């Protein structure tokens, strides 16, 4: 019964930065890492990054490695995604979700509304 609320998206120019937040309430799926995913209209949801609650181990998609940084505040049940050097191809709706590998955790169905990130060139 986890509730996830994403925020922080917006419109930025290429090369700009945004910081996304994911506020979780209820069950936080602490046995899984938390991930950021993104989706553009007509395409499958794409893995972006994940971080474990326990050790803070991180993993990034190659497309964002070196530009994005995922972090978390366990006390606040909040996960962040710092996005730098944004590119137009980063334009998408960004979602957070418990992650297993590069997919959402099995059985997860509580996707939030996501937050829109639009990068103009």
PDB file of N, CA and C in Angstrom:
ATOM      1  N   UNK A   1       0.827  -1.207   0.000  1.00  0.00           N
ATOM      2  CA  UNK A   1       0.000   0.000   0.000  1.00  0.00           C
ATOM      3  C   UNK A   1       0.856   1.250   0.000  1.00  0.00           C
ATOM      4  N   UNK A   2       1.998   1.159  -0.624  1.00  0.00           N
ATOM      5  CA  UNK A   2       2.883   2.305  -0.687  1.00  0.00           C
ATOM      6  C   UNK A   2       2.281   3.378  -1.592  1.00  0.00           C
ATOM      7  N   UNK A   3       2.450   4.607  -1.189  1.00  0.00           N
ATOM      8  CA  UNK A   3       2.048   5.748  -1.991  1.00  0.00           C
ATOM      9  C   UNK A   3       3.310   6.501  -2.386  1.00  0.00           C
ATOM     10  N   UNK A   4       3.431   6.788  -3.641  1.00  0.00           N
ATOM     11  CA  UNK A   4       4.603   7.471  -4.156  1.00  0.00           C
ATOM     12  C   UNK A   4       4.181   8.732  -4.875  1.00  0.00           C
ATOM     13  N   UNK A   5       4.797   9.826  -4.501  1.00  0.00           N
ATOM     14  CA  UNK A   5       4.481  11.111  -5.094  1.00  0.00           C
ATOM     15  C   UNK A   5       5.754  11.735  -5.631  1.00  0.00           C
ATOM     16  N   UNK A   6       5.807  11.896  -6.927  1.00  0.00           N
ATOM     17  CA  UNK A   6       6.964  12.488  -7.581  1.00  0.00           C
ATOM     18  C   UNK A   6       6.746  13.990  -7.763  1.00  0.00           C
ATOM     19  N   UNK A   7       7.824  14.724  -7.670  1.00  0.00           N
ATOM     20  CA  UNK A   7       7.752  16.159  -7.866  1.00  0.00           C
ATOM     21  C   UNK A   7       9.101  16.674  -8.334  1.00  0.00           C
ATOM     22  N   UNK A   8       9.130  17.910  -8.757  1.00  0.00           N
ATOM     23  CA  UNK A   8      10.371  18.559  -9.117  1.00  0.00           C
ATOM     24  C   UNK A   8      10.613  18.717 -10.606  1.00  0.00           C
ATOM     25  N   UNK A   9       9.750  18.155 -11.411  1.00  0.00           N
ATOM     26  CA  UNK A   9       9.928  18.279 -12.842  1.00  0.00           C
ATOM     27  C   UNK A   9       9.652  19.687 -13.317  1.00  0.00           C
ATOM     28  N   UNK A  10       9.949  19.910 -14.575  1.00  0.00           N
ATOM     29  CA  UNK A  10       9.729  21.221 -15.149  1.00  0.00           C
ATOM     30  C   UNK A  10      10.321  21.316 -16.528  1.00  0.00           C
ATOM     31  N   UNK A  11      10.352  22.515 -17.031  1.00  0.00           N
ATOM     32  CA  UNK A  11      10.901  22.804 -18.348  1.00  0.00           C
ATOM     33  C   UNK A  11      12.253  23.474 -18.190  1.00  0.00           C
ATOM     34  N   UNK A  12      13.261  22.882 -18.789  1.00  0.00           N
ATOM     35  CA  UNK A  12      14.608  23.439 -18.730  1.00  0.00           C
ATOM     36  C   UNK A  12      15.248  23.373 -20.102  1.00  0.00           C
ATOM     37  N   UNK A  13      16.252  24.188 -20.285  1.00  0.00           N
ATOM     38  CA  UNK A  13      17.025  24.149 -21.515  1.00  0.00           C
ATOM     39  C   UNK A  13      18.081  23.058 -21.434  1.00  0.00           C
ATOM     40  N   UNK A  14      18.496  22.582 -22.584  1.00  0.00           N
ATOM     41  CA  UNK A  14      19.568  21.603 -22.626  1.00  0.00           C
ATOM     42  C   UNK A  14      20.772  22.127 -21.854  1.00  0.00           C
ATOM     43  N   UNK A  15      21.362  21.240 -21.079  1.00  0.00           N
ATOM     44  CA  UNK A  15      22.485  21.627 -20.247  1.00  0.00           C
ATOM     45  C   UNK A  15      22.086  22.050 -18.855  1.00  0.00           C
ATOM     46  N   UNK A  16      20.806  22.231 -18.638  1.00  0.00           N
ATOM     47  CA  UNK A  16      20.318  22.648 -17.342  1.00  0.00           C
ATOM     48  C   UNK A  16      20.178  21.494 -16.375  1.00  0.00           C
ATOM     49  N   UNK A  17      19.645  21.810 -15.202  1.00  0.00           N
ATOM     50  CA  UNK A  17      19.524  20.823 -14.135  1.00  0.00           C
ATOM     51  C   UNK A  17      18.152  20.857 -13.500  1.00  0.00           C
ATOM     52  N   UNK A  18      17.758  19.727 -12.975  1.00  0.00           N
ATOM     53  CA  UNK A  18      16.549  19.593 -12.185  1.00  0.00           C
ATOM     54  C   UNK A  18      16.813  18.594 -11.081  1.00  0.00           C
ATOM     55  N   UNK A  19      16.091  18.740  -9.996  1.00  0.00           N
ATOM     56  CA  UNK A  19      16.168  17.784  -8.902  1.00  0.00           C
ATOM     57  C   UNK A  19      14.778  17.239  -8.632  1.00  0.00           C
ATOM     58  N   UNK A  20      14.609  15.969  -8.858  1.00  0.00           N
ATOM     59  CA  UNK A  20      13.333  15.324  -8.640  1.00  0.00           C
ATOM     60  C   UNK A  20      13.278  14.711  -7.252  1.00  0.00           C
ATOM     61  N   UNK A  21      12.087  14.686  -6.694  1.00  0.00           N
ATOM     62  CA  UNK A  21      11.869  14.070  -5.397  1.00  0.00           C
ATOM     63  C   UNK A  21      10.784  13.024  -5.506  1.00  0.00           C
ATOM     64  N   UNK A  22      10.917  11.992  -4.725  1.00  0.00           N
ATOM     65  CA  UNK A  22       9.922  10.940  -4.630  1.00  0.00           C
ATOM     66  C   UNK A  22       9.631  10.719  -3.160  1.00  0.00           C
ATOM     67  N   UNK A  23       8.458  11.123  -2.741  1.00  0.00           N
ATOM     68  CA  UNK A  23       8.048  10.963  -1.355  1.00  0.00           C
ATOM     69  C   UNK A  23       7.218   9.699  -1.221  1.00  0.00           C
ATOM     70  N   UNK A  24       7.643   8.830  -0.339  1.00  0.00           N
ATOM     71  CA  UNK A  24       6.967   7.559  -0.138  1.00  0.00           C
ATOM     72  C   UNK A  24       6.269   7.523   1.212  1.00  0.00           C
ATOM     73  N   UNK A  25       5.096   6.965   1.234  1.00  0.00           N
ATOM     74  CA  UNK A  25       4.377   6.733   2.480  1.00  0.00           C
ATOM     75  C   UNK A  25       3.840   5.316   2.464  1.00  0.00           C
ATOM     76  N   UNK A  26       3.495   4.825   3.640  1.00  0.00           N
ATOM     77  CA  UNK A  26       3.084   3.444   3.727  1.00  0.00           C
ATOM     78  C   UNK A  26       4.289   2.534   3.591  1.00  0.00           C
ATOM     79  N   UNK A  27       4.077   1.378   3.023  1.00  0.00           N
ATOM     80  CA  UNK A  27       5.165   0.431   2.841  1.00  0.00           C
ATOM     81  C   UNK A  27       6.171   0.980   1.858  1.00  0.00           C
ATOM     82  N   UNK A  28       7.428   0.921   2.245  1.00  0.00           N
ATOM     83  CA  UNK A  28       8.482   1.509   1.427  1.00  0.00           C
ATOM     84  C   UNK A  28       9.282   0.497   0.631  1.00  0.00           C
ATOM     85  N   UNK A  29       8.880  -0.760   0.682  1.00  0.00           N
ATOM     86  CA  UNK A  29       9.586  -1.797  -0.057  1.00  0.00           C
ATOM     87  C   UNK A  29      11.073  -1.789   0.267  1.00  0.00           C
ATOM     88  N   UNK A  30      11.376  -1.768   1.549  1.00  0.00           N
ATOM     89  CA  UNK A  30      12.764  -1.640   1.973  1.00  0.00           C
ATOM     90  C   UNK A  30      13.633  -2.833   1.602  1.00  0.00           C
ATOM     91  N   UNK A  31      13.027  -3.932   1.243  1.00  0.00           N
ATOM     92  CA  UNK A  31      13.804  -5.082   0.795  1.00  0.00           C
ATOM     93  C   UNK A  31      14.326  -4.891  -0.621  1.00  0.00           C
ATOM     94  N   UNK A  32      13.813  -3.903  -1.293  1.00  0.00           N
ATOM     95  CA  UNK A  32      14.221  -3.595  -2.654  1.00  0.00           C
ATOM     96  C   UNK A  32      14.897  -2.242  -2.712  1.00  0.00           C
ATOM     97  N   UNK A  33      15.661  -2.061  -3.744  1.00  0.00           N
ATOM     98  CA  UNK A  33      16.164  -0.740  -4.046  1.00  0.00           C
ATOM     99  C   UNK A  33      15.003   0.136  -4.509  1.00  0.00           C
ATOM    100  N   UNK A  34      15.208   1.427  -4.485  1.00  0.00           N
ATOM    101  CA  UNK A  34      14.252   2.346  -5.070  1.00  0.00           C
ATOM    102  C   UNK A  34      14.826   2.873  -6.369  1.00  0.00           C
ATOM    103  N   UNK A  35      13.983   2.938  -7.354  1.00  0.00           N
ATOM    104  CA  UNK A  35      14.451   3.345  -8.660  1.00  0.00           C
ATOM    105  C   UNK A  35      13.674   4.500  -9.241  1.00  0.00           C
ATOM    106  N   UNK A  36      14.301   5.133 -10.188  1.00  0.00           N
ATOM    107  CA  UNK A  36      13.648   6.116 -11.030  1.00  0.00           C
ATOM    108  C   UNK A  36      13.505   5.522 -12.418  1.00  0.00           C
ATOM    109  N   UNK A  37      12.352   5.734 -12.988  1.00  0.00           N
ATOM    110  CA  UNK A  37      12.046   5.276 -14.325  1.00  0.00           C
ATOM    111  C   UNK A  37      11.470   6.450 -15.100  1.00  0.00           C
ATOM    112  N   UNK A  38      11.500   6.353 -16.393  1.00  0.00           N
ATOM    113  CA  UNK A  38      10.914   7.415 -17.193  1.00  0.00           C
ATOM    114  C   UNK A  38      10.197   6.825 -18.388  1.00  0.00           C
ATOM    115  N   UNK A  39       9.249   7.580 -18.885  1.00  0.00           N
ATOM    116  CA  UNK A  39       8.442   7.099 -19.984  1.00  0.00           C
ATOM    117  C   UNK A  39       8.032   8.253 -20.881  1.00  0.00           C
ATOM    118  N   UNK A  40       8.138   8.024 -22.164  1.00  0.00           N
ATOM    119  CA  UNK A  40       7.654   8.989 -23.136  1.00  0.00           C
ATOM    120  C   UNK A  40       6.442   8.388 -23.816  1.00  0.00           C
ATOM    121  N   UNK A  41       5.557   9.218 -24.352  1.00  0.00           N
ATOM    122  CA  UNK A  41       4.350   8.687 -24.990  1.00  0.00           C
ATOM    123  C   UNK A  41       4.670   7.665 -26.069  1.00  0.00           C
ATOM    124  N   UNK A  42       3.971   6.548 -26.020  1.00  0.00           N
ATOM    125  CA  UNK A  42       4.132   5.522 -27.032  1.00  0.00           C
ATOM    126  C   UNK A  42       5.304   4.592 -26.827  1.00  0.00           C
ATOM    127  N   UNK A  43       6.062   4.785 -25.759  1.00  0.00           N
ATOM    128  CA  UNK A  43       7.215   3.936 -25.510  1.00  0.00           C
ATOM    129  C   UNK A  43       7.121   3.268 -24.147  1.00  0.00           C
ATOM    130  N   UNK A  44       7.900   2.225 -23.994  1.00  0.00           N
ATOM    131  CA  UNK A  44       7.946   1.508 -22.730  1.00  0.00           C
ATOM    132  C   UNK A  44       8.630   2.340 -21.665  1.00  0.00           C
ATOM    133  N   UNK A  45       8.246   2.082 -20.439  1.00  0.00           N
ATOM    134  CA  UNK A  45       8.909   2.718 -19.320  1.00  0.00           C
ATOM    135  C   UNK A  45      10.367   2.263 -19.280  1.00  0.00           C
ATOM    136  N   UNK A  46      11.263   3.187 -19.042  1.00  0.00           N
ATOM    137  CA  UNK A  46      12.690   2.942 -19.103  1.00  0.00           C
ATOM    138  C   UNK A  46      13.338   3.144 -17.737  1.00  0.00           C
ATOM    139  N   UNK A  47      14.215   2.235 -17.383  1.00  0.00           N
ATOM    140  CA  UNK A  47      14.972   2.364 -16.150  1.00  0.00           C
ATOM    141  C   UNK A  47      15.967   3.500 -16.250  1.00  0.00           C
ATOM    142  N   UNK A  48      16.097   4.255 -15.173  1.00  0.00           N
ATOM    143  CA  UNK A  48      17.029   5.367 -15.120  1.00  0.00           C
ATOM    144  C   UNK A  48      18.116   5.139 -14.079  1.00  0.00           C
ATOM    145  N   UNK A  49      17.716   4.850 -12.846  1.00  0.00           N
ATOM    146  CA  UNK A  49      18.672   4.682 -11.762  1.00  0.00           C
ATOM    147  C   UNK A  49      18.000   3.989 -10.590  1.00  0.00           C
ATOM    148  N   UNK A  50      18.785   3.402  -9.717  1.00  0.00           N
ATOM    149  CA  UNK A  50      18.254   2.814  -8.503  1.00  0.00           C
ATOM    150  C   UNK A  50      19.233   3.010  -7.361  1.00  0.00           C
ATOM    151  N   UNK A  51      18.712   2.935  -6.143  1.00  0.00           N
ATOM    152  CA  UNK A  51      19.533   3.045  -4.954  1.00  0.00           C
ATOM    153  C   UNK A  51      18.928   2.169  -3.871  1.00  0.00           C
ATOM    154  N   UNK A  52      19.767   1.477  -3.127  1.00  0.00           N
ATOM    155  CA  UNK A  52      19.276   0.641  -2.050  1.00  0.00           C
ATOM    156  C   UNK A  52      19.043   1.478  -0.802  1.00  0.00           C
ATOM    157  N   UNK A  53      18.017   1.128  -0.042  1.00  0.00           N
ATOM    158  CA  UNK A  53      17.757   1.828   1.207  1.00  0.00           C
ATOM    159  C   UNK A  53      18.838   1.552   2.232  1.00  0.00           C
ATOM    160  N   UNK A  54      19.326   0.313   2.269  1.00  0.00           N
ATOM    161  CA  UNK A  54      20.266  -0.093   3.297  1.00  0.00           C
ATOM    162  C   UNK A  54      21.652   0.467   3.135  1.00  0.00           C
ATOM    163  N   UNK A  55      22.289   0.158   2.035  1.00  0.00           N
ATOM    164  CA  UNK A  55      23.677   0.540   1.830  1.00  0.00           C
ATOM    165  C   UNK A  55      23.859   1.710   0.876  1.00  0.00           C
ATOM    166  N   UNK A  56      22.801   2.113   0.241  1.00  0.00           N
ATOM    167  CA  UNK A  56      22.911   3.215  -0.697  1.00  0.00           C
ATOM    168  C   UNK A  56      23.640   2.854  -1.975  1.00  0.00           C
ATOM    169  N   UNK A  57      23.667   1.580  -2.299  1.00  0.00           N
ATOM    170  CA  UNK A  57      24.294   1.155  -3.545  1.00  0.00           C
ATOM    171  C   UNK A  57      23.519   1.725  -4.715  1.00  0.00           C
ATOM    172  N   UNK A  58      24.230   2.229  -5.685  1.00  0.00           N
ATOM    173  CA  UNK A  58      23.579   2.867  -6.820  1.00  0.00           C
ATOM    174  C   UNK A  58      23.925   2.181  -8.127  1.00  0.00           C
ATOM    175  N   UNK A  59      23.045   2.355  -9.073  1.00  0.00           N
ATOM    176  CA  UNK A  59      23.245   1.821 -10.405  1.00  0.00           C
ATOM    177  C   UNK A  59      22.502   2.725 -11.369  1.00  0.00           C
ATOM    178  N   UNK A  60      23.132   3.003 -12.499  1.00  0.00           N
ATOM    179  CA  UNK A  60      22.563   3.934 -13.454  1.00  0.00           C
ATOM    180  C   UNK A  60      22.493   3.345 -14.847  1.00  0.00           C
ATOM    181  N   UNK A  61      21.490   3.758 -15.568  1.00  0.00           N
ATOM    182  CA  UNK A  61      21.462   3.456 -16.983  1.00  0.00           C
ATOM    183  C   UNK A  61      22.620   4.180 -17.653  1.00  0.00           C
ATOM    184  N   UNK A  62      23.178   3.552 -18.662  1.00  0.00           N
ATOM    185  CA  UNK A  62      24.308   4.163 -19.351  1.00  0.00           C
ATOM    186  C   UNK A  62      23.960   5.540 -19.924  1.00  0.00           C
ATOM    187  N   UNK A  63      22.722   5.716 -20.290  1.00  0.00           N
ATOM    188  CA  UNK A  63      22.315   6.963 -20.909  1.00  0.00           C
ATOM    189  C   UNK A  63      22.377   8.156 -19.962  1.00  0.00           C
ATOM    190  N   UNK A  64      22.382   7.896 -18.663  1.00  0.00           N
ATOM    191  CA  UNK A  64      22.397   8.988 -17.696  1.00  0.00           C
ATOM    192  C   UNK A  64      23.625   8.976 -16.812  1.00  0.00           C
ATOM    193  N   UNK A  65      24.439   7.968 -16.926  1.00  0.00           N
ATOM    194  CA  UNK A  65      25.624   7.838 -16.081  1.00  0.00           C
ATOM    195  C   UNK A  65      26.529   9.057 -16.241  1.00  0.00           C
ATOM    196  N   UNK A  66      26.948   9.584 -15.115  1.00  0.00           N
ATOM    197  CA  UNK A  66      27.799  10.757 -15.129  1.00  0.00           C
ATOM    198  C   UNK A  66      27.042  12.057 -15.146  1.00  0.00           C
ATOM    199  N   UNK A  67      25.747  11.999 -15.395  1.00  0.00           N
ATOM    200  CA  UNK A  67      24.922  13.203 -15.430  1.00  0.00           C
ATOM    201  C   UNK A  67      23.889  13.241 -14.315  1.00  0.00           C
ATOM    202  N   UNK A  68      23.351  12.079 -13.977  1.00  0.00           N
ATOM    203  CA  UNK A  68      22.319  11.986 -12.947  1.00  0.00           C
ATOM    204  C   UNK A  68      22.900  11.365 -11.687  1.00  0.00           C
ATOM    205  N   UNK A  69      22.376  11.770 -10.550  1.00  0.00           N
ATOM    206  CA  UNK A  69      22.766  11.200  -9.276  1.00  0.00           C
ATOM    207  C   UNK A  69      21.520  10.879  -8.467  1.00  0.00           C
ATOM    208  N   UNK A  70      21.393   9.640  -8.064  1.00  0.00           N
ATOM    209  CA  UNK A  70      20.278   9.235  -7.227  1.00  0.00           C
ATOM    210  C   UNK A  70      20.729   9.224  -5.774  1.00  0.00           C
ATOM    211  N   UNK A  71      19.862   9.640  -4.890  1.00  0.00           N
ATOM    212  CA  UNK A  71      20.169   9.647  -3.471  1.00  0.00           C
ATOM    213  C   UNK A  71      18.890   9.397  -2.691  1.00  0.00           C
ATOM    214  N   UNK A  72      19.031   9.175  -1.404  1.00  0.00           N
ATOM    215  CA  UNK A  72      17.844   8.944  -0.596  1.00  0.00           C
ATOM    216  C   UNK A  72      18.032   9.444   0.828  1.00  0.00           C
ATOM    217  N   UNK A  73      16.932   9.738   1.456  1.00  0.00           N
ATOM    218  CA  UNK A  73      16.894  10.120   2.855  1.00  0.00           C
ATOM    219  C   UNK A  73      15.968   9.118   3.522  1.00  0.00           C
ATOM    220  N   UNK A  74      16.549   8.136   4.181  1.00  0.00           N
ATOM    221  CA  UNK A  74      15.751   7.075   4.775  1.00  0.00           C
ATOM    222  C   UNK A  74      14.751   7.599   5.799  1.00  0.00           C
ATOM    223  N   UNK A  75      15.173   8.570   6.596  1.00  0.00           N
ATOM    224  CA  UNK A  75      14.298   9.108   7.631  1.00  0.00           C
ATOM    225  C   UNK A  75      13.065   9.771   7.042  1.00  0.00           C
ATOM    226  N   UNK A  76      13.207  10.332   5.863  1.00  0.00           N
ATOM    227  CA  UNK A  76      12.094  11.009   5.214  1.00  0.00           C
ATOM    228  C   UNK A  76      11.382  10.130   4.195  1.00  0.00           C
ATOM    229  N   UNK A  77      11.874   8.908   4.036  1.00  0.00           N
ATOM    230  CA  UNK A  77      11.318   8.013   3.023  1.00  0.00           C
ATOM    231  C   UNK A  77      11.231   8.718   1.673  1.00  0.00           C
ATOM    232  N   UNK A  78      12.312   9.361   1.333  1.00  0.00           N
ATOM    233  CA  UNK A  78      12.344  10.157   0.119  1.00  0.00           C
ATOM    234  C   UNK A  78      13.564   9.796  -0.715  1.00  0.00           C
ATOM    235  N   UNK A  79      13.347   9.694  -1.998  1.00  0.00           N
ATOM    236  CA  UNK A  79      14.413   9.430  -2.951  1.00  0.00           C
ATOM    237  C   UNK A  79      14.504  10.616  -3.898  1.00  0.00           C
ATOM    238  N   UNK A  80      15.711  10.955  -4.272  1.00  0.00           N
ATOM    239  CA  UNK A  80      15.938  12.105  -5.121  1.00  0.00           C
ATOM    240  C   UNK A  80      16.667  11.693  -6.389  1.00  0.00           C
ATOM    241  N   UNK A  81      16.507  12.501  -7.390  1.00  0.00           N
ATOM    242  CA  UNK A  81      17.262  12.325  -8.617  1.00  0.00           C
ATOM    243  C   UNK A  81      17.752  13.692  -9.059  1.00  0.00           C
ATOM    244  N   UNK A  82      19.034  13.912  -8.887  1.00  0.00           N
ATOM    245  CA  UNK A  82      19.648  15.136  -9.361  1.00  0.00           C
ATOM    246  C   UNK A  82      20.042  14.929 -10.813  1.00  0.00           C
ATOM    247  N   UNK A  83      19.506  15.742 -11.673  1.00  0.00           N
ATOM    248  CA  UNK A  83      19.739  15.608 -13.098  1.00  0.00           C
ATOM    249  C   UNK A  83      20.493  16.830 -13.595  1.00  0.00           C
ATOM    250  N   UNK A  84      21.690  16.600 -14.070  1.00  0.00           N
ATOM    251  CA  UNK A  84      22.517  17.664 -14.610  1.00  0.00           C
ATOM    252  C   UNK A  84      22.777  17.410 -16.082  1.00  0.00           C
ATOM    253  N   UNK A  85      23.254  18.434 -16.742  1.00  0.00           N
ATOM    254  CA  UNK A  85      23.582  18.328 -18.162  1.00  0.00           C
ATOM    255  C   UNK A  85      22.452  17.688 -18.946  1.00  0.00           C
ATOM    256  N   UNK A  86      21.265  18.171 -18.711  1.00  0.00           N
ATOM    257  CA  UNK A  86      20.089  17.571 -19.326  1.00  0.00           C
ATOM    258  C   UNK A  86      20.109  17.714 -20.839  1.00  0.00           C
ATOM    259  N   UNK A  87      19.596  16.695 -21.478  1.00  0.00           N
ATOM    260  CA  UNK A  87      19.511  16.634 -22.925  1.00  0.00           C
ATOM    261  C   UNK A  87      18.054  16.520 -23.344  1.00  0.00           C
ATOM    262  N   UNK A  88      17.736  16.932 -24.562  1.00  0.00           N
ATOM    263  CA  UNK A  88      16.350  16.793 -25.017  1.00  0.00           C
ATOM    264  C   UNK A  88      15.830  15.363 -24.908  1.00  0.00           C
ATOM    265  N   UNK A  89      16.682  14.382 -25.108  1.00  0.00           N
ATOM    266  CA  UNK A  89      16.255  12.998 -25.012  1.00  0.00           C
ATOM    267  C   UNK A  89      15.931  12.555 -23.593  1.00  0.00           C
ATOM    268  N   UNK A  90      16.216  13.402 -22.617  1.00  0.00           N
ATOM    269  CA  UNK A  90      15.810  13.122 -21.247  1.00  0.00           C
ATOM    270  C   UNK A  90      14.350  13.486 -21.011  1.00  0.00           C
ATOM    271  N   UNK A  91      13.741  14.133 -21.968  1.00  0.00           N
ATOM    272  CA  UNK A  91      12.347  14.525 -21.834  1.00  0.00           C
ATOM    273  C   UNK A  91      11.472  13.290 -21.644  1.00  0.00           C
ATOM    274  N   UNK A  92      10.707  13.281 -20.572  1.00  0.00           N
ATOM    275  CA  UNK A  92       9.864  12.142 -20.246  1.00  0.00           C
ATOM    276  C   UNK A  92       9.097  12.453 -18.972  1.00  0.00           C
ATOM    277  N   UNK A  93       8.166  11.589 -18.655  1.00  0.00           N
ATOM    278  CA  UNK A  93       7.559  11.605 -17.338  1.00  0.00           C
ATOM    279  C   UNK A  93       8.376  10.676 -16.464  1.00  0.00           C
ATOM    280  N   UNK A  94       8.814  11.166 -15.340  1.00  0.00           N
ATOM    281  CA  UNK A  94       9.671  10.405 -14.439  1.00  0.00           C
ATOM    282  C   UNK A  94       8.860   9.858 -13.272  1.00  0.00           C
ATOM    283  N   UNK A  95       9.067   8.588 -13.004  1.00  0.00           N
ATOM    284  CA  UNK A  95       8.383   7.891 -11.938  1.00  0.00           C
ATOM    285  C   UNK A  95       9.389   7.248 -10.998  1.00  0.00           C
ATOM    286  N   UNK A  96       9.007   7.076  -9.757  1.00  0.00           N
ATOM    287  CA  UNK A  96       9.803   6.283  -8.844  1.00  0.00           C
ATOM    288  C   UNK A  96       9.041   5.017  -8.493  1.00  0.00           C
ATOM    289  N   UNK A  97       9.781   3.993  -8.145  1.00  0.00           N
ATOM    290  CA  UNK A  97       9.189   2.712  -7.806  1.00  0.00           C
ATOM    291  C   UNK A  97      10.250   1.820  -7.188  1.00  0.00           C
ATOM    292  N   UNK A  98       9.839   0.878  -6.339  1.00  0.00           N
ATOM    293  CA  UNK A  98      10.821  -0.100  -5.879  1.00  0.00           C
ATOM    294  C   UNK A  98      11.350  -0.858  -7.079  1.00  0.00           C
ATOM    295  N   UNK A  99      12.627  -1.159  -7.040  1.00  0.00           N
ATOM    296  CA  UNK A  99      13.283  -1.716  -8.211  1.00  0.00           C
ATOM    297  C   UNK A  99      13.983  -3.026  -7.910  1.00  0.00           C
ATOM    298  N   UNK A 100      13.901  -3.915  -8.857  1.00  0.00           N
ATOM    299  CA  UNK A 100      14.646  -5.155  -8.860  1.00  0.00           C
ATOM    300  C   UNK A 100      15.367  -5.206 -10.191  1.00  0.00           C
ATOM    301  N   UNK A 101      16.675  -5.152 -10.135  1.00  0.00           N
ATOM    302  CA  UNK A 101      17.410  -5.032 -11.370  1.00  0.00           C
ATOM    303  C   UNK A 101      17.072  -3.715 -12.034  1.00  0.00           C
ATOM    304  N   UNK A 102      16.670  -3.784 -13.281  1.00  0.00           N
ATOM    305  CA  UNK A 102      16.292  -2.582 -14.012  1.00  0.00           C
ATOM    306  C   UNK A 102      14.797  -2.524 -14.286  1.00  0.00           C
ATOM    307  N   UNK A 103      14.039  -3.220 -13.467  1.00  0.00           N
ATOM    308  CA  UNK A 103      12.599  -3.208 -13.587  1.00  0.00           C
ATOM    309  C   UNK A 103      11.977  -2.900 -12.238  1.00  0.00           C
ATOM    310  N   UNK A 104      10.709  -2.576 -12.253  1.00  0.00           N
ATOM    311  CA  UNK A 104       9.994  -2.389 -11.011  1.00  0.00           C
ATOM    312  C   UNK A 104       9.908  -3.710 -10.262  1.00  0.00           C
ATOM    313  N   UNK A 105       9.825  -3.633  -8.957  1.00  0.00           N
ATOM    314  CA  UNK A 105       9.755  -4.832  -8.148  1.00  0.00           C
ATOM    315  C   UNK A 105       8.530  -5.654  -8.510  1.00  0.00           C
ATOM    316  N   UNK A 106       8.663  -6.972  -8.462  1.00  0.00           N
ATOM    317  CA  UNK A 106       7.507  -7.822  -8.766  1.00  0.00           C
ATOM    318  C   UNK A 106       6.332  -7.486  -7.866  1.00  0.00           C
ATOM    319  N   UNK A 107       5.171  -7.380  -8.455  1.00  0.00           N
ATOM    320  CA  UNK A 107       3.972  -7.101  -7.703  1.00  0.00           C
ATOM    321  C   UNK A 107       3.707  -5.631  -7.450  1.00  0.00           C
ATOM    322  N   UNK A 108       4.635  -4.774  -7.813  1.00  0.00           N
ATOM    323  CA  UNK A 108       4.402  -3.353  -7.602  1.00  0.00           C
ATOM    324  C   UNK A 108       3.368  -2.835  -8.589  1.00  0.00           C
ATOM    325  N   UNK A 109       2.399  -2.126  -8.077  1.00  0.00           N
ATOM    326  CA  UNK A 109       1.347  -1.598  -8.934  1.00  0.00           C
ATOM    327  C   UNK A 109       0.897  -0.212  -8.514  1.00  0.00           C
ATOM    328  N   UNK A 110       1.651   0.436  -7.652  1.00  0.00           N
ATOM    329  CA  UNK A 110       1.235   1.713  -7.084  1.00  0.00           C
ATOM    330  C   UNK A 110       2.000   2.880  -7.689  1.00  0.00           C
ATOM    331  N   UNK A 111       2.098   2.886  -8.995  1.00  0.00           N
ATOM    332  CA  UNK A 111       2.770   4.000  -9.670  1.00  0.00           C
ATOM    333  C   UNK A 111       2.105   5.324  -9.335  1.00  0.00           C
ATOM    334  N   UNK A 112       2.926   6.320  -9.085  1.00  0.00           N
ATOM    335  CA  UNK A 112       2.407   7.651  -8.879  1.00  0.00           C
ATOM    336  C   UNK A 112       2.066   8.297 -10.202  1.00  0.00           C
ATOM    337  N   UNK A 113       1.766   9.578 -10.146  1.00  0.00           N
ATOM    338  CA  UNK A 113       1.424  10.297 -11.359  1.00  0.00           C
ATOM    339  C   UNK A 113       2.649  10.698 -12.161  1.00  0.00           C
ATOM    340  N   UNK A 114       3.813  10.603 -11.534  1.00  0.00           N
ATOM    341  CA  UNK A 114       5.029  10.988 -12.210  1.00  0.00           C
ATOM    342  C   UNK A 114       5.190  12.497 -12.250  1.00  0.00           C
ATOM    343  N   UNK A 115       6.343  12.923 -12.685  1.00  0.00           N
ATOM    344  CA  UNK A 115       6.595  14.346 -12.841  1.00  0.00           C
ATOM    345  C   UNK A 115       7.227  14.579 -14.203  1.00  0.00           C
ATOM    346  N   UNK A 116       6.698  15.538 -14.915  1.00  0.00           N
ATOM    347  CA  UNK A 116       7.126  15.793 -16.288  1.00  0.00           C
ATOM    348  C   UNK A 116       8.434  16.561 -16.319  1.00  0.00           C
ATOM    349  N   UNK A 117       9.363  16.042 -17.083  1.00  0.00           N
ATOM    350  CA  UNK A 117      10.620  16.728 -17.347  1.00  0.00           C
ATOM    351  C   UNK A 117      10.683  17.009 -18.834  1.00  0.00           C
ATOM    352  N   UNK A 118      10.827  18.260 -19.174  1.00  0.00           N
ATOM    353  CA  UNK A 118      10.921  18.651 -20.572  1.00  0.00           C
ATOM    354  C   UNK A 118      12.206  19.439 -20.772  1.00  0.00           C
ATOM    355  N   UNK A 119      13.016  18.978 -21.688  1.00  0.00           N
ATOM    356  CA  UNK A 119      14.298  19.614 -21.961  1.00  0.00           C
ATOM    357  C   UNK A 119      14.274  20.140 -23.390  1.00  0.00           C
ATOM    358  N   UNK A 120      14.420  21.426 -23.527  1.00  0.00           N
ATOM    359  CA  UNK A 120      14.419  22.051 -24.836  1.00  0.00           C
ATOM    360  C   UNK A 120      15.839  22.258 -25.324  1.00  0.00           C
ATOM    361  N   UNK A 121      16.009  22.254 -26.625  1.00  0.00           N
ATOM    362  CA  UNK A 121      17.331  22.440 -27.208  1.00  0.00           C
ATOM    363  C   UNK A 121      17.537  23.872 -27.656  1.00  0.00           C
TER     364      UNK A 121
END
